[in-house]
Amino acid sequence: MGGVAGGEGASGKGIGGTKKGSQQGIAGVLLQNRLPKARVLYASATGASEVNNLAYAVRLGLWGPETAFASREAFISEIRAGGIAAMELVARDLKATGLYMARALSFAGVEYDILRHELTPEQVTVYDTYADAWAILCAAAHKIAQASA
């Protein structure tokens, strides 16, 4: 259902230009909307690689009332503008709340050094503000999930 959003980007723009949403994806979203109490499990091999691949996941609370994004289109547009770093943040936060799981690639043979960066007081303030905002968003998503259960 990853092609539900159509549009531009890795899963939405073809040789002939912008694509329409896939019929399979649209049907999946319509089914979710028509069965609001049905349990849904999203499974994707590419969920965190391109923002359009999350467009069918309407029940994750990524957009809509009481979120940072008024609509799916706003979510896709703003996360796409943020690039891979924004997608990484979305995936990280979904994982932290238990809404997203991903298998790990093997780290066999990987070598690394720990690099520490001491944050300035201003950087700590920015991080704390961001963390507080996400805590509010996650609490709202939890509230929405509880209300619709």
C-alpha atoms as a PDB file:
ATOM      1  CA  MET A   1       0.000   0.000   0.000  1.00  0.00           C
ATOM      2  CA  GLY A   2       3.069   2.246   0.015  1.00  0.00           C
ATOM      3  CA  GLY A   3       2.013   3.965  -3.215  1.00  0.00           C
ATOM      4  CA  VAL A   4      -1.251   5.292  -1.779  1.00  0.00           C
ATOM      5  CA  ALA A   5      -0.066   8.910  -1.741  1.00  0.00           C
ATOM      6  CA  GLY A   6       1.108   9.011  -5.331  1.00  0.00           C
ATOM      7  CA  GLY A   7       2.736  12.392  -5.807  1.00  0.00           C
ATOM      8  CA  GLU A   8       6.456  12.866  -6.294  1.00  0.00           C
ATOM      9  CA  GLY A   9       9.476  11.168  -4.785  1.00  0.00           C
ATOM     10  CA  ALA A  10      10.957   7.706  -4.894  1.00  0.00           C
ATOM     11  CA  SER A  11       7.610   5.943  -4.882  1.00  0.00           C
ATOM     12  CA  GLY A  12       5.467   8.503  -6.652  1.00  0.00           C
ATOM     13  CA  LYS A  13       7.088   9.982  -9.756  1.00  0.00           C
ATOM     14  CA  GLY A  14       7.490   7.994 -12.899  1.00  0.00           C
ATOM     15  CA  ILE A  15       8.825   8.674 -16.367  1.00  0.00           C
ATOM     16  CA  GLY A  16       5.549  10.303 -17.346  1.00  0.00           C
ATOM     17  CA  GLY A  17       5.494  12.651 -14.322  1.00  0.00           C
ATOM     18  CA  THR A  18       3.531  12.577 -11.104  1.00  0.00           C
ATOM     19  CA  LYS A  19       1.646   9.351 -10.390  1.00  0.00           C
ATOM     20  CA  LYS A  20      -1.799   8.880  -8.892  1.00  0.00           C
ATOM     21  CA  GLY A  21      -2.150   6.836  -5.724  1.00  0.00           C
ATOM     22  CA  SER A  22      -2.226   3.074  -6.223  1.00  0.00           C
ATOM     23  CA  GLN A  23      -5.643   1.419  -6.243  1.00  0.00           C
ATOM     24  CA  GLN A  24      -4.410  -1.166  -3.734  1.00  0.00           C
ATOM     25  CA  GLY A  25      -3.203   1.548  -1.375  1.00  0.00           C
ATOM     26  CA  ILE A  26      -6.370   3.590  -1.703  1.00  0.00           C
ATOM     27  CA  ALA A  27      -8.483   0.485  -1.034  1.00  0.00           C
ATOM     28  CA  GLY A  28      -6.401  -0.267   2.076  1.00  0.00           C
ATOM     29  CA  VAL A  29      -6.878   3.221   3.477  1.00  0.00           C
ATOM     30  CA  LEU A  30     -10.611   3.150   2.713  1.00  0.00           C
ATOM     31  CA  LEU A  31     -10.881  -0.201   4.494  1.00  0.00           C
ATOM     32  CA  GLN A  32      -9.146   1.228   7.567  1.00  0.00           C
ATOM     33  CA  ASN A  33     -11.480   4.226   7.540  1.00  0.00           C
ATOM     34  CA  ARG A  34     -14.608   2.078   7.210  1.00  0.00           C
ATOM     35  CA  LEU A  35     -13.583  -0.289  10.014  1.00  0.00           C
ATOM     36  CA  PRO A  36     -12.452   2.087  12.778  1.00  0.00           C
ATOM     37  CA  LYS A  37     -12.430  -0.604  15.490  1.00  0.00           C
ATOM     38  CA  ALA A  38     -10.559  -3.207  13.447  1.00  0.00           C
ATOM     39  CA  ARG A  39      -7.028  -3.955  14.564  1.00  0.00           C
ATOM     40  CA  VAL A  40      -4.388  -3.092  11.999  1.00  0.00           C
ATOM     41  CA  LEU A  41      -0.819  -4.319  11.707  1.00  0.00           C
ATOM     42  CA  TYR A  42       1.385  -2.463   9.259  1.00  0.00           C
ATOM     43  CA  ALA A  43       4.272  -4.406   7.734  1.00  0.00           C
ATOM     44  CA  SER A  44       6.737  -2.850   5.337  1.00  0.00           C
ATOM     45  CA  ALA A  45      10.238  -3.555   4.138  1.00  0.00           C
ATOM     46  CA  THR A  46      10.724   0.114   3.255  1.00  0.00           C
ATOM     47  CA  GLY A  47       8.610   2.057   5.766  1.00  0.00           C
ATOM     48  CA  ALA A  48      11.368   4.385   6.930  1.00  0.00           C
ATOM     49  CA  SER A  49      13.159   4.850   3.618  1.00  0.00           C
ATOM     50  CA  GLU A  50      10.765   7.278   1.914  1.00  0.00           C
ATOM     51  CA  VAL A  51       7.963   9.297   3.464  1.00  0.00           C
ATOM     52  CA  ASN A  52       5.367   8.125   0.907  1.00  0.00           C
ATOM     53  CA  ASN A  53       5.854   4.602   2.260  1.00  0.00           C
ATOM     54  CA  LEU A  54       4.086   5.655   5.476  1.00  0.00           C
ATOM     55  CA  ALA A  55       1.123   7.327   3.763  1.00  0.00           C
ATOM     56  CA  TYR A  56      -1.134   4.282   4.209  1.00  0.00           C
ATOM     57  CA  ALA A  57      -0.427   4.096   7.959  1.00  0.00           C
ATOM     58  CA  VAL A  58      -3.347   6.316   8.924  1.00  0.00           C
ATOM     59  CA  ARG A  59      -3.598   4.928  12.473  1.00  0.00           C
ATOM     60  CA  LEU A  60      -0.097   5.794  13.624  1.00  0.00           C
ATOM     61  CA  GLY A  61      -1.201   9.308  14.600  1.00  0.00           C
ATOM     62  CA  LEU A  62       1.403  11.033  12.446  1.00  0.00           C
ATOM     63  CA  TRP A  63      -1.035  13.630  11.090  1.00  0.00           C
ATOM     64  CA  GLY A  64      -4.459  15.022  11.846  1.00  0.00           C
ATOM     65  CA  PRO A  65      -6.026  16.762  14.842  1.00  0.00           C
ATOM     66  CA  GLU A  66      -3.732  17.330  17.816  1.00  0.00           C
ATOM     67  CA  THR A  67      -0.578  16.557  15.810  1.00  0.00           C
ATOM     68  CA  ALA A  68       2.046  18.768  14.217  1.00  0.00           C
ATOM     69  CA  PHE A  69       0.652  18.026  10.739  1.00  0.00           C
ATOM     70  CA  ALA A  70      -2.904  18.940   9.744  1.00  0.00           C
ATOM     71  CA  SER A  71      -3.091  16.349   6.965  1.00  0.00           C
ATOM     72  CA  ARG A  72      -1.267  13.456   5.344  1.00  0.00           C
ATOM     73  CA  GLU A  73      -0.203  15.808   2.565  1.00  0.00           C
ATOM     74  CA  ALA A  74       1.314  18.252   5.083  1.00  0.00           C
ATOM     75  CA  PHE A  75       3.148  15.400   6.822  1.00  0.00           C
ATOM     76  CA  ILE A  76       4.571  14.096   3.548  1.00  0.00           C
ATOM     77  CA  SER A  77       5.549  17.555   2.328  1.00  0.00           C
ATOM     78  CA  GLU A  78       7.268  18.655   5.526  1.00  0.00           C
ATOM     79  CA  ILE A  79       9.052  15.374   6.240  1.00  0.00           C
ATOM     80  CA  ARG A  80      10.214  15.179   2.622  1.00  0.00           C
ATOM     81  CA  ALA A  81      11.575  18.722   2.958  1.00  0.00           C
ATOM     82  CA  GLY A  82      13.505  17.601   6.054  1.00  0.00           C
ATOM     83  CA  GLY A  83      15.172  14.820   4.082  1.00  0.00           C
ATOM     84  CA  ILE A  84      16.465  11.534   5.438  1.00  0.00           C
ATOM     85  CA  ALA A  85      17.185  13.106   8.822  1.00  0.00           C
ATOM     86  CA  ALA A  86      13.483  13.876   9.277  1.00  0.00           C
ATOM     87  CA  MET A  87      12.545  10.308   8.290  1.00  0.00           C
ATOM     88  CA  GLU A  88      15.092   8.984  10.789  1.00  0.00           C
ATOM     89  CA  LEU A  89      13.471  11.076  13.532  1.00  0.00           C
ATOM     90  CA  VAL A  90      10.013   9.793  12.623  1.00  0.00           C
ATOM     91  CA  ALA A  91      11.242   6.180  12.658  1.00  0.00           C
ATOM     92  CA  ARG A  92      13.127   6.693  15.915  1.00  0.00           C
ATOM     93  CA  ASP A  93      10.119   8.203  17.662  1.00  0.00           C
ATOM     94  CA  LEU A  94       7.770   5.507  16.371  1.00  0.00           C
ATOM     95  CA  LYS A  95      10.192   2.869  17.629  1.00  0.00           C
ATOM     96  CA  ALA A  96      10.448   4.580  21.018  1.00  0.00           C
ATOM     97  CA  THR A  97       6.669   4.481  21.428  1.00  0.00           C
ATOM     98  CA  GLY A  98       6.422   0.866  20.296  1.00  0.00           C
ATOM     99  CA  LEU A  99       4.519   1.751  17.134  1.00  0.00           C
ATOM    100  CA  TYR A 100       7.299   0.690  14.770  1.00  0.00           C
ATOM    101  CA  MET A 101       9.733  -2.198  14.754  1.00  0.00           C
ATOM    102  CA  ALA A 102      12.506  -2.813  12.285  1.00  0.00           C
ATOM    103  CA  ARG A 103      14.871  -5.679  11.911  1.00  0.00           C
ATOM    104  CA  ALA A 104      18.497  -4.705  12.210  1.00  0.00           C
ATOM    105  CA  LEU A 105      21.112  -5.284   9.589  1.00  0.00           C
ATOM    106  CA  SER A 106      24.140  -7.268  10.630  1.00  0.00           C
ATOM    107  CA  PHE A 107      26.994  -5.271  12.089  1.00  0.00           C
ATOM    108  CA  ALA A 108      29.467  -8.140  11.579  1.00  0.00           C
ATOM    109  CA  GLY A 109      32.877  -6.725  10.735  1.00  0.00           C
ATOM    110  CA  VAL A 110      31.869  -3.154  11.521  1.00  0.00           C
ATOM    111  CA  GLU A 111      34.399  -1.097  13.450  1.00  0.00           C
ATOM    112  CA  TYR A 112      33.680   2.242  15.046  1.00  0.00           C
ATOM    113  CA  ASP A 113      35.029   4.796  17.484  1.00  0.00           C
ATOM    114  CA  ILE A 114      32.923   6.627  20.033  1.00  0.00           C
ATOM    115  CA  LEU A 115      32.866  10.341  19.335  1.00  0.00           C
ATOM    116  CA  ARG A 116      31.597  12.541  22.138  1.00  0.00           C
ATOM    117  CA  HIS A 117      30.335  16.043  21.555  1.00  0.00           C
ATOM    118  CA  GLU A 118      29.759  18.235  24.585  1.00  0.00           C
ATOM    119  CA  LEU A 119      26.607  20.258  24.034  1.00  0.00           C
ATOM    120  CA  THR A 120      26.531  23.969  24.639  1.00  0.00           C
ATOM    121  CA  PRO A 121      23.817  25.291  26.963  1.00  0.00           C
ATOM    122  CA  GLU A 122      21.979  26.614  23.882  1.00  0.00           C
ATOM    123  CA  GLN A 123      22.072  23.167  22.226  1.00  0.00           C
ATOM    124  CA  VAL A 124      20.737  21.575  25.423  1.00  0.00           C
ATOM    125  CA  THR A 125      17.866  24.083  25.457  1.00  0.00           C
ATOM    126  CA  VAL A 126      17.018  23.344  21.813  1.00  0.00           C
ATOM    127  CA  TYR A 127      17.129  19.584  22.436  1.00  0.00           C
ATOM    128  CA  ASP A 128      14.996  19.865  25.578  1.00  0.00           C
ATOM    129  CA  THR A 129      12.423  21.963  23.715  1.00  0.00           C
ATOM    130  CA  TYR A 130      12.297  19.369  20.921  1.00  0.00           C
ATOM    131  CA  ALA A 131      11.967  16.516  23.430  1.00  0.00           C
ATOM    132  CA  ASP A 132       9.150  18.319  25.259  1.00  0.00           C
ATOM    133  CA  ALA A 133       7.296  18.874  21.964  1.00  0.00           C
ATOM    134  CA  TRP A 134       7.578  15.195  21.021  1.00  0.00           C
ATOM    135  CA  ALA A 135       6.399  14.159  24.482  1.00  0.00           C
ATOM    136  CA  ILE A 136       3.254  16.237  23.921  1.00  0.00           C
ATOM    137  CA  LEU A 137       2.743  14.691  20.471  1.00  0.00           C
ATOM    138  CA  CYS A 138       3.251  11.160  21.768  1.00  0.00           C
ATOM    139  CA  ALA A 139       0.823  11.746  24.643  1.00  0.00           C
ATOM    140  CA  ALA A 140      -1.746  13.049  22.141  1.00  0.00           C
ATOM    141  CA  ALA A 141      -1.240  10.010  19.913  1.00  0.00           C
ATOM    142  CA  HIS A 142      -1.702   7.731  22.916  1.00  0.00           C
ATOM    143  CA  LYS A 143      -4.877   9.610  23.876  1.00  0.00           C
ATOM    144  CA  ILE A 144      -6.229   9.235  20.335  1.00  0.00           C
ATOM    145  CA  ALA A 145      -5.408   5.521  20.318  1.00  0.00           C
ATOM    146  CA  GLN A 146      -7.149   5.028  23.673  1.00  0.00           C
ATOM    147  CA  ALA A 147     -10.231   6.962  22.534  1.00  0.00           C
ATOM    148  CA  SER A 148     -10.628   4.934  19.344  1.00  0.00           C
ATOM    149  CA  ALA A 149     -10.060   1.557  21.020  1.00  0.00           C
END
